[in-house]
C-alpha cells in the first residue's frame, strides 16, 4: 500500500511534463499525493471498517476535491448515483492494493477486487485491470517469482507482458485505459532490479506517470519486501494526518512491510 502511494507521489510532477529517461529526481517541493492515494486510502478505510466502497469513494472525494480526480469520477461522486459508470480507466487498478494484503486466498482477492472495481469501473476492461493488479500484488507477497507472476497474469488476463521498457518507451503516450497502462505498469515491475528501479521504469515511460508508478509501486513493495527508508521517509511527510493514520492502522492490522516503522 505504501508502495502505491510512493509511486503516486513520485510520479505526480511528471504527469504534465513527461519523463522519458530514468535519471530523474525522485522528490521535489511540488511532489504531492493525488486521487490515486486518496482512493487507495478510501479502499483501506472500507476494509478496516466494513463500510461500502461507494460511500467511502464519495466521502473522500468531498474531503479532497482538488486531488486530481477524473471528470467522469467527479460527476459520479457529485451525483446520487450508486452504480458504476462503465469505465475502463486505470483508476480501477491504482486503488486496489489494500485488497491484496487484506485477503490470504487468491479467489477472495479476485472476488473482492472485482467488487471494489465495479463500484465505479464496471466495464469488463476496468474489472480486468483491477483484478490483474491485485493478483500481481498478492502473488508477489506470496513469494512467487517474476516468471510465475508474468505467466499467471498473461494466462488469466491475456496481457502481453513479453515486451521491454525500451521497446515501449519511444512511442508511449499519456493513456488512461486499463488495457494500455496496466500491462505497462506490470512490465515496469517485472523489469526492475529493486523498488526504486521499478518506479524509475514506470515514470520513464512518460505516460500517466503517477498512476502507472502507483500500480508498479504497489507490486514492487510486495515483491521486494517493502519501500526503502530513503523513499518511505519523504513519502510519509507528504501525507496529511488523516491519510497517514489510516495507512499506519492498515499496516498494523494486516502486517504490511512498513508496520514496524
C-alpha atoms as a PDB file:
ATOM      1  CA  UNK A   1       0.000   0.000   0.000  1.00  0.00           C
ATOM      2  CA  UNK A   2       2.792   2.441   0.867  1.00  0.00           C
ATOM      3  CA  UNK A   3       4.486   1.440  -2.400  1.00  0.00           C
ATOM      4  CA  UNK A   4       1.417   2.553  -4.343  1.00  0.00           C
ATOM      5  CA  UNK A   5       1.385   5.889  -2.529  1.00  0.00           C
ATOM      6  CA  UNK A   6       5.119   6.362  -3.106  1.00  0.00           C
ATOM      7  CA  UNK A   7       4.645   5.790  -6.837  1.00  0.00           C
ATOM      8  CA  UNK A   8       1.793   8.292  -6.916  1.00  0.00           C
ATOM      9  CA  UNK A   9       3.797  10.994  -5.141  1.00  0.00           C
ATOM     10  CA  UNK A  10       6.988  10.445  -7.143  1.00  0.00           C
ATOM     11  CA  UNK A  11       5.111  10.402 -10.444  1.00  0.00           C
ATOM     12  CA  UNK A  12       2.938  13.406  -9.603  1.00  0.00           C
ATOM     13  CA  UNK A  13       5.248  16.066 -11.019  1.00  0.00           C
ATOM     14  CA  UNK A  14       5.995  14.166 -14.227  1.00  0.00           C
ATOM     15  CA  UNK A  15       2.406  13.752 -15.415  1.00  0.00           C
ATOM     16  CA  UNK A  16       2.305  17.187 -17.052  1.00  0.00           C
ATOM     17  CA  UNK A  17       5.940  17.149 -18.170  1.00  0.00           C
ATOM     18  CA  UNK A  18       6.579  13.557 -19.345  1.00  0.00           C
ATOM     19  CA  UNK A  19       9.899  11.967 -18.401  1.00  0.00           C
ATOM     20  CA  UNK A  20      11.478   9.668 -20.993  1.00  0.00           C
ATOM     21  CA  UNK A  21      14.564   8.689 -19.016  1.00  0.00           C
ATOM     22  CA  UNK A  22      15.328   7.085 -15.665  1.00  0.00           C
ATOM     23  CA  UNK A  23      17.785   9.572 -14.163  1.00  0.00           C
ATOM     24  CA  UNK A  24      15.214  11.973 -12.708  1.00  0.00           C
ATOM     25  CA  UNK A  25      14.834  13.481  -9.245  1.00  0.00           C
ATOM     26  CA  UNK A  26      12.535  11.368  -7.079  1.00  0.00           C
ATOM     27  CA  UNK A  27      11.106  14.150  -4.911  1.00  0.00           C
ATOM     28  CA  UNK A  28      10.752  17.895  -5.114  1.00  0.00           C
ATOM     29  CA  UNK A  29       8.882  20.602  -3.220  1.00  0.00           C
ATOM     30  CA  UNK A  30       5.973  20.170  -5.639  1.00  0.00           C
ATOM     31  CA  UNK A  31       5.684  16.390  -5.259  1.00  0.00           C
ATOM     32  CA  UNK A  32       2.251  15.582  -3.860  1.00  0.00           C
ATOM     33  CA  UNK A  33      -0.281  12.831  -3.391  1.00  0.00           C
ATOM     34  CA  UNK A  34      -3.191  12.744  -5.813  1.00  0.00           C
ATOM     35  CA  UNK A  35      -6.501  10.956  -6.302  1.00  0.00           C
ATOM     36  CA  UNK A  36      -4.564   7.678  -6.561  1.00  0.00           C
ATOM     37  CA  UNK A  37      -3.555   7.957  -2.905  1.00  0.00           C
ATOM     38  CA  UNK A  38      -6.933   9.301  -1.794  1.00  0.00           C
ATOM     39  CA  UNK A  39      -8.830   6.366  -3.308  1.00  0.00           C
ATOM     40  CA  UNK A  40      -6.277   3.832  -2.014  1.00  0.00           C
ATOM     41  CA  UNK A  41      -6.920   5.345   1.405  1.00  0.00           C
ATOM     42  CA  UNK A  42     -10.679   5.015   0.789  1.00  0.00           C
ATOM     43  CA  UNK A  43     -10.319   1.299  -0.011  1.00  0.00           C
ATOM     44  CA  UNK A  44      -8.260   0.790   3.145  1.00  0.00           C
ATOM     45  CA  UNK A  45     -10.965   2.541   5.189  1.00  0.00           C
ATOM     46  CA  UNK A  46     -13.627   0.266   3.741  1.00  0.00           C
ATOM     47  CA  UNK A  47     -11.621  -2.844   4.601  1.00  0.00           C
ATOM     48  CA  UNK A  48     -10.867  -1.647   8.129  1.00  0.00           C
ATOM     49  CA  UNK A  49     -14.418  -0.555   8.953  1.00  0.00           C
ATOM     50  CA  UNK A  50     -16.604  -2.796   6.784  1.00  0.00           C
ATOM     51  CA  UNK A  51     -18.201   0.259   5.176  1.00  0.00           C
ATOM     52  CA  UNK A  52     -19.043   0.435   1.481  1.00  0.00           C
ATOM     53  CA  UNK A  53     -16.574   1.331  -1.244  1.00  0.00           C
ATOM     54  CA  UNK A  54     -19.136   3.584  -2.890  1.00  0.00           C
ATOM     55  CA  UNK A  55     -19.755   5.537   0.292  1.00  0.00           C
ATOM     56  CA  UNK A  56     -16.079   5.993   1.067  1.00  0.00           C
ATOM     57  CA  UNK A  57     -15.195   6.980  -2.506  1.00  0.00           C
ATOM     58  CA  UNK A  58     -17.800   9.718  -2.394  1.00  0.00           C
ATOM     59  CA  UNK A  59     -16.801  10.894   1.088  1.00  0.00           C
ATOM     60  CA  UNK A  60     -13.125  11.022   0.160  1.00  0.00           C
ATOM     61  CA  UNK A  61     -13.904  12.971  -2.981  1.00  0.00           C
ATOM     62  CA  UNK A  62     -15.515  15.706  -0.904  1.00  0.00           C
ATOM     63  CA  UNK A  63     -12.619  15.667   1.581  1.00  0.00           C
ATOM     64  CA  UNK A  64     -10.053  16.062  -1.236  1.00  0.00           C
ATOM     65  CA  UNK A  65     -11.943  17.638  -4.176  1.00  0.00           C
ATOM     66  CA  UNK A  66      -8.764  19.106  -5.696  1.00  0.00           C
ATOM     67  CA  UNK A  67      -6.753  15.875  -5.668  1.00  0.00           C
ATOM     68  CA  UNK A  68      -6.967  15.486  -9.433  1.00  0.00           C
ATOM     69  CA  UNK A  69      -9.957  13.226  -9.949  1.00  0.00           C
ATOM     70  CA  UNK A  70     -11.013  12.433 -13.498  1.00  0.00           C
ATOM     71  CA  UNK A  71     -14.052  14.150 -14.970  1.00  0.00           C
ATOM     72  CA  UNK A  72     -16.272  11.061 -15.042  1.00  0.00           C
ATOM     73  CA  UNK A  73     -15.397  10.110 -11.466  1.00  0.00           C
ATOM     74  CA  UNK A  74     -16.060  13.685 -10.357  1.00  0.00           C
ATOM     75  CA  UNK A  75     -19.507  13.707 -11.965  1.00  0.00           C
ATOM     76  CA  UNK A  76     -20.277  10.347 -10.365  1.00  0.00           C
ATOM     77  CA  UNK A  77     -19.030  11.414  -6.931  1.00  0.00           C
ATOM     78  CA  UNK A  78     -21.118  14.598  -7.027  1.00  0.00           C
ATOM     79  CA  UNK A  79     -24.261  12.723  -8.017  1.00  0.00           C
ATOM     80  CA  UNK A  80     -26.638  10.475  -6.097  1.00  0.00           C
ATOM     81  CA  UNK A  81     -25.756   7.592  -8.395  1.00  0.00           C
ATOM     82  CA  UNK A  82     -24.866   4.346  -6.620  1.00  0.00           C
ATOM     83  CA  UNK A  83     -23.942   2.104  -9.550  1.00  0.00           C
ATOM     84  CA  UNK A  84     -20.751   2.310 -11.612  1.00  0.00           C
ATOM     85  CA  UNK A  85     -20.396   4.311 -14.809  1.00  0.00           C
ATOM     86  CA  UNK A  86     -18.922   1.599 -17.065  1.00  0.00           C
ATOM     87  CA  UNK A  87     -15.371   2.974 -17.003  1.00  0.00           C
ATOM     88  CA  UNK A  88     -12.330   1.102 -18.311  1.00  0.00           C
ATOM     89  CA  UNK A  89      -9.915   3.674 -16.906  1.00  0.00           C
ATOM     90  CA  UNK A  90      -6.814   2.846 -14.880  1.00  0.00           C
ATOM     91  CA  UNK A  91      -8.424   4.301 -11.776  1.00  0.00           C
ATOM     92  CA  UNK A  92      -9.654   0.745 -11.335  1.00  0.00           C
ATOM     93  CA  UNK A  93      -6.120  -0.509 -10.805  1.00  0.00           C
ATOM     94  CA  UNK A  94      -4.418   2.263  -8.869  1.00  0.00           C
ATOM     95  CA  UNK A  95      -6.548   1.906  -5.734  1.00  0.00           C
ATOM     96  CA  UNK A  96      -6.784  -1.891  -5.200  1.00  0.00           C
ATOM     97  CA  UNK A  97      -3.503  -2.592  -3.381  1.00  0.00           C
ATOM     98  CA  UNK A  98      -5.044  -2.857   0.120  1.00  0.00           C
ATOM     99  CA  UNK A  99      -7.216  -5.757  -1.065  1.00  0.00           C
ATOM    100  CA  UNK A 100      -4.171  -7.857  -1.967  1.00  0.00           C
ATOM    101  CA  UNK A 101      -2.962  -7.540   1.635  1.00  0.00           C
ATOM    102  CA  UNK A 102      -6.310  -7.998   3.372  1.00  0.00           C
ATOM    103  CA  UNK A 103      -7.023 -11.460   1.921  1.00  0.00           C
ATOM    104  CA  UNK A 104      -4.930 -14.614   2.046  1.00  0.00           C
ATOM    105  CA  UNK A 105      -6.714 -16.578  -0.657  1.00  0.00           C
ATOM    106  CA  UNK A 106      -6.383 -15.908  -4.395  1.00  0.00           C
ATOM    107  CA  UNK A 107     -10.082 -16.456  -5.066  1.00  0.00           C
ATOM    108  CA  UNK A 108     -11.003 -13.981  -2.337  1.00  0.00           C
ATOM    109  CA  UNK A 109      -8.605 -11.408  -3.799  1.00  0.00           C
ATOM    110  CA  UNK A 110     -10.168 -11.820  -7.249  1.00  0.00           C
ATOM    111  CA  UNK A 111     -13.697 -11.563  -5.880  1.00  0.00           C
ATOM    112  CA  UNK A 112     -13.024  -8.523  -3.688  1.00  0.00           C
ATOM    113  CA  UNK A 113     -11.022  -6.731  -6.378  1.00  0.00           C
ATOM    114  CA  UNK A 114     -13.980  -7.134  -8.719  1.00  0.00           C
ATOM    115  CA  UNK A 115     -16.383  -5.818  -6.087  1.00  0.00           C
ATOM    116  CA  UNK A 116     -14.205  -2.800  -5.348  1.00  0.00           C
ATOM    117  CA  UNK A 117     -13.579  -2.061  -9.012  1.00  0.00           C
ATOM    118  CA  UNK A 118     -17.201  -2.450 -10.103  1.00  0.00           C
ATOM    119  CA  UNK A 119     -18.288   0.310  -7.715  1.00  0.00           C
ATOM    120  CA  UNK A 120     -17.202   2.693 -10.476  1.00  0.00           C
ATOM    121  CA  UNK A 121     -15.265   0.842 -13.188  1.00  0.00           C
ATOM    122  CA  UNK A 122     -17.777  -1.860 -14.064  1.00  0.00           C
ATOM    123  CA  UNK A 123     -16.626  -2.195 -17.666  1.00  0.00           C
ATOM    124  CA  UNK A 124     -15.000  -5.630 -18.284  1.00  0.00           C
ATOM    125  CA  UNK A 125     -11.635  -3.987 -19.009  1.00  0.00           C
ATOM    126  CA  UNK A 126     -11.862  -1.967 -15.800  1.00  0.00           C
ATOM    127  CA  UNK A 127     -12.566  -5.067 -13.727  1.00  0.00           C
ATOM    128  CA  UNK A 128      -9.793  -6.938 -15.536  1.00  0.00           C
ATOM    129  CA  UNK A 129      -7.268  -4.192 -14.765  1.00  0.00           C
ATOM    130  CA  UNK A 130      -8.226  -4.044 -11.108  1.00  0.00           C
ATOM    131  CA  UNK A 131      -8.078  -7.799 -10.698  1.00  0.00           C
ATOM    132  CA  UNK A 132      -4.782  -8.167 -12.571  1.00  0.00           C
ATOM    133  CA  UNK A 133      -3.122  -5.576 -10.330  1.00  0.00           C
ATOM    134  CA  UNK A 134      -4.465  -7.086  -7.118  1.00  0.00           C
ATOM    135  CA  UNK A 135      -3.421 -10.581  -8.193  1.00  0.00           C
ATOM    136  CA  UNK A 136       0.096  -9.433  -9.119  1.00  0.00           C
ATOM    137  CA  UNK A 137       0.500  -7.910  -5.648  1.00  0.00           C
ATOM    138  CA  UNK A 138      -0.936 -10.998  -3.967  1.00  0.00           C
ATOM    139  CA  UNK A 139       1.347 -13.378  -5.858  1.00  0.00           C
ATOM    140  CA  UNK A 140       4.340 -11.146  -5.084  1.00  0.00           C
ATOM    141  CA  UNK A 141       3.605 -11.173  -1.354  1.00  0.00           C
ATOM    142  CA  UNK A 142       3.193 -14.949  -1.535  1.00  0.00           C
ATOM    143  CA  UNK A 143       6.806 -15.230  -2.717  1.00  0.00           C
ATOM    144  CA  UNK A 144       6.131 -16.130  -6.344  1.00  0.00           C
ATOM    145  CA  UNK A 145       8.884 -15.449  -8.858  1.00  0.00           C
ATOM    146  CA  UNK A 146       8.591 -12.818 -11.544  1.00  0.00           C
ATOM    147  CA  UNK A 147       8.258 -15.557 -14.143  1.00  0.00           C
ATOM    148  CA  UNK A 148       5.377 -17.105 -12.199  1.00  0.00           C
ATOM    149  CA  UNK A 149       3.672 -13.733 -11.818  1.00  0.00           C
ATOM    150  CA  UNK A 150       4.104 -12.963 -15.519  1.00  0.00           C
ATOM    151  CA  UNK A 151       2.779 -16.349 -16.594  1.00  0.00           C
ATOM    152  CA  UNK A 152      -0.279 -16.196 -14.367  1.00  0.00           C
ATOM    153  CA  UNK A 153      -1.218 -12.657 -15.467  1.00  0.00           C
ATOM    154  CA  UNK A 154      -0.727 -13.468 -19.140  1.00  0.00           C
ATOM    155  CA  UNK A 155      -2.692 -16.709 -18.994  1.00  0.00           C
ATOM    156  CA  UNK A 156      -5.523 -15.331 -16.855  1.00  0.00           C
ATOM    157  CA  UNK A 157      -5.908 -11.777 -18.146  1.00  0.00           C
ATOM    158  CA  UNK A 158      -4.322 -12.110 -21.594  1.00  0.00           C
ATOM    159  CA  UNK A 159      -1.999  -9.110 -21.242  1.00  0.00           C
ATOM    160  CA  UNK A 160       1.187  -9.155 -23.332  1.00  0.00           C
ATOM    161  CA  UNK A 161       3.975  -8.927 -20.762  1.00  0.00           C
ATOM    162  CA  UNK A 162       6.775 -10.040 -23.067  1.00  0.00           C
ATOM    163  CA  UNK A 163       7.704  -6.519 -24.138  1.00  0.00           C
ATOM    164  CA  UNK A 164      10.508  -4.398 -22.670  1.00  0.00           C
ATOM    165  CA  UNK A 165      10.524  -0.881 -21.272  1.00  0.00           C
ATOM    166  CA  UNK A 166      12.946   0.179 -24.019  1.00  0.00           C
ATOM    167  CA  UNK A 167      10.536  -1.151 -26.648  1.00  0.00           C
ATOM    168  CA  UNK A 168       7.513   0.559 -25.112  1.00  0.00           C
ATOM    169  CA  UNK A 169       9.023   3.922 -24.145  1.00  0.00           C
ATOM    170  CA  UNK A 170       9.677   5.621 -27.554  1.00  0.00           C
ATOM    171  CA  UNK A 171       6.060   5.642 -28.742  1.00  0.00           C
ATOM    172  CA  UNK A 172       4.231   5.513 -25.442  1.00  0.00           C
ATOM    173  CA  UNK A 173       1.950   8.456 -24.693  1.00  0.00           C
ATOM    174  CA  UNK A 174      -0.459   9.518 -21.969  1.00  0.00           C
ATOM    175  CA  UNK A 175      -3.014   6.743 -21.666  1.00  0.00           C
ATOM    176  CA  UNK A 176      -5.734   6.305 -19.056  1.00  0.00           C
ATOM    177  CA  UNK A 177      -7.222   2.978 -20.146  1.00  0.00           C
ATOM    178  CA  UNK A 178      -6.512  -0.143 -18.105  1.00  0.00           C
ATOM    179  CA  UNK A 179      -5.711  -2.113 -21.241  1.00  0.00           C
ATOM    180  CA  UNK A 180      -2.962   0.304 -22.279  1.00  0.00           C
ATOM    181  CA  UNK A 181      -1.460   1.169 -18.909  1.00  0.00           C
ATOM    182  CA  UNK A 182      -1.832  -1.777 -16.515  1.00  0.00           C
ATOM    183  CA  UNK A 183       0.318  -4.145 -18.638  1.00  0.00           C
ATOM    184  CA  UNK A 184       2.965  -1.425 -18.967  1.00  0.00           C
ATOM    185  CA  UNK A 185       2.958  -0.854 -15.202  1.00  0.00           C
ATOM    186  CA  UNK A 186       3.392  -4.575 -14.563  1.00  0.00           C
ATOM    187  CA  UNK A 187       6.236  -4.731 -17.084  1.00  0.00           C
ATOM    188  CA  UNK A 188       7.930  -1.840 -15.268  1.00  0.00           C
ATOM    189  CA  UNK A 189       7.924  -4.024 -12.162  1.00  0.00           C
ATOM    190  CA  UNK A 190       8.969  -7.205 -13.951  1.00  0.00           C
ATOM    191  CA  UNK A 191      11.990  -5.493 -15.494  1.00  0.00           C
ATOM    192  CA  UNK A 192      13.149  -3.876 -12.254  1.00  0.00           C
ATOM    193  CA  UNK A 193      16.072  -4.731 -10.004  1.00  0.00           C
ATOM    194  CA  UNK A 194      14.669  -3.167  -6.818  1.00  0.00           C
ATOM    195  CA  UNK A 195      11.833  -0.915  -5.643  1.00  0.00           C
ATOM    196  CA  UNK A 196      13.395   2.342  -6.770  1.00  0.00           C
ATOM    197  CA  UNK A 197      14.282   0.915 -10.162  1.00  0.00           C
ATOM    198  CA  UNK A 198      10.660  -0.202 -10.627  1.00  0.00           C
ATOM    199  CA  UNK A 199       9.410   3.336 -10.006  1.00  0.00           C
ATOM    200  CA  UNK A 200      12.023   4.784 -12.344  1.00  0.00           C
ATOM    201  CA  UNK A 201      10.961   2.323 -15.050  1.00  0.00           C
ATOM    202  CA  UNK A 202       7.323   3.348 -14.657  1.00  0.00           C
ATOM    203  CA  UNK A 203       7.888   7.101 -14.706  1.00  0.00           C
ATOM    204  CA  UNK A 204      10.320   6.847 -17.610  1.00  0.00           C
ATOM    205  CA  UNK A 205       7.538   5.628 -19.901  1.00  0.00           C
ATOM    206  CA  UNK A 206       6.282   9.205 -19.991  1.00  0.00           C
ATOM    207  CA  UNK A 207       2.585   8.419 -19.744  1.00  0.00           C
ATOM    208  CA  UNK A 208       0.120   8.809 -16.877  1.00  0.00           C
ATOM    209  CA  UNK A 209       3.141   8.749 -14.620  1.00  0.00           C
ATOM    210  CA  UNK A 210       1.570   8.991 -11.176  1.00  0.00           C
ATOM    211  CA  UNK A 211      -0.937   6.213 -11.833  1.00  0.00           C
ATOM    212  CA  UNK A 212       1.469   3.906 -13.658  1.00  0.00           C
ATOM    213  CA  UNK A 213       4.072   4.383 -10.912  1.00  0.00           C
ATOM    214  CA  UNK A 214       1.346   3.820  -8.309  1.00  0.00           C
ATOM    215  CA  UNK A 215       0.431   0.456  -9.845  1.00  0.00           C
ATOM    216  CA  UNK A 216       4.071  -0.515 -10.304  1.00  0.00           C
ATOM    217  CA  UNK A 217       4.962   0.558  -6.773  1.00  0.00           C
ATOM    218  CA  UNK A 218       2.146  -1.480  -5.264  1.00  0.00           C
ATOM    219  CA  UNK A 219       3.544  -4.670  -6.813  1.00  0.00           C
ATOM    220  CA  UNK A 220       7.190  -3.809  -6.164  1.00  0.00           C
ATOM    221  CA  UNK A 221       6.550  -3.209  -2.461  1.00  0.00           C
ATOM    222  CA  UNK A 222       5.132  -6.711  -2.087  1.00  0.00           C
ATOM    223  CA  UNK A 223       7.878  -8.367  -4.130  1.00  0.00           C
ATOM    224  CA  UNK A 224      10.888  -6.545  -2.644  1.00  0.00           C
ATOM    225  CA  UNK A 225       9.624  -6.665   0.949  1.00  0.00           C
ATOM    226  CA  UNK A 226       8.774  -3.036   1.461  1.00  0.00           C
ATOM    227  CA  UNK A 227       9.682   0.506   0.474  1.00  0.00           C
ATOM    228  CA  UNK A 228      13.288   1.626   1.102  1.00  0.00           C
ATOM    229  CA  UNK A 229      13.631   4.010   4.028  1.00  0.00           C
ATOM    230  CA  UNK A 230      15.137   6.710   1.812  1.00  0.00           C
ATOM    231  CA  UNK A 231      11.888   6.752  -0.161  1.00  0.00           C
ATOM    232  CA  UNK A 232       9.448   5.957   2.647  1.00  0.00           C
ATOM    233  CA  UNK A 233      10.508   8.886   4.861  1.00  0.00           C
ATOM    234  CA  UNK A 234       9.725  11.672   2.377  1.00  0.00           C
ATOM    235  CA  UNK A 235       6.510   9.875   1.407  1.00  0.00           C
ATOM    236  CA  UNK A 236       5.235   9.873   4.996  1.00  0.00           C
ATOM    237  CA  UNK A 237       5.997  13.600   5.203  1.00  0.00           C
ATOM    238  CA  UNK A 238       3.878  14.306   2.127  1.00  0.00           C
ATOM    239  CA  UNK A 239       0.777  12.704   3.649  1.00  0.00           C
ATOM    240  CA  UNK A 240      -1.701  14.545   5.815  1.00  0.00           C
ATOM    241  CA  UNK A 241      -2.588  13.328   9.294  1.00  0.00           C
ATOM    242  CA  UNK A 242      -5.848  11.619   8.270  1.00  0.00           C
ATOM    243  CA  UNK A 243      -4.373   9.512   5.478  1.00  0.00           C
ATOM    244  CA  UNK A 244      -1.183   8.754   7.411  1.00  0.00           C
ATOM    245  CA  UNK A 245      -3.194   7.458  10.367  1.00  0.00           C
ATOM    246  CA  UNK A 246      -5.274   5.092   8.220  1.00  0.00           C
ATOM    247  CA  UNK A 247      -2.256   3.813   6.286  1.00  0.00           C
ATOM    248  CA  UNK A 248      -0.439   3.067   9.544  1.00  0.00           C
ATOM    249  CA  UNK A 249      -3.507   1.420  11.077  1.00  0.00           C
ATOM    250  CA  UNK A 250      -3.987  -0.740   7.988  1.00  0.00           C
ATOM    251  CA  UNK A 251      -0.319  -1.726   8.120  1.00  0.00           C
ATOM    252  CA  UNK A 252      -0.633  -2.850  11.724  1.00  0.00           C
ATOM    253  CA  UNK A 253      -3.841  -4.822  11.206  1.00  0.00           C
ATOM    254  CA  UNK A 254      -2.675  -6.608   8.057  1.00  0.00           C
ATOM    255  CA  UNK A 255       1.057  -6.770   8.838  1.00  0.00           C
ATOM    256  CA  UNK A 256       2.358  -4.792   5.857  1.00  0.00           C
ATOM    257  CA  UNK A 257       6.131  -4.327   5.478  1.00  0.00           C
ATOM    258  CA  UNK A 258       6.013  -0.811   6.915  1.00  0.00           C
ATOM    259  CA  UNK A 259       4.042  -1.725  10.075  1.00  0.00           C
ATOM    260  CA  UNK A 260       7.154  -1.526  12.286  1.00  0.00           C
ATOM    261  CA  UNK A 261       8.210   1.934  11.140  1.00  0.00           C
END
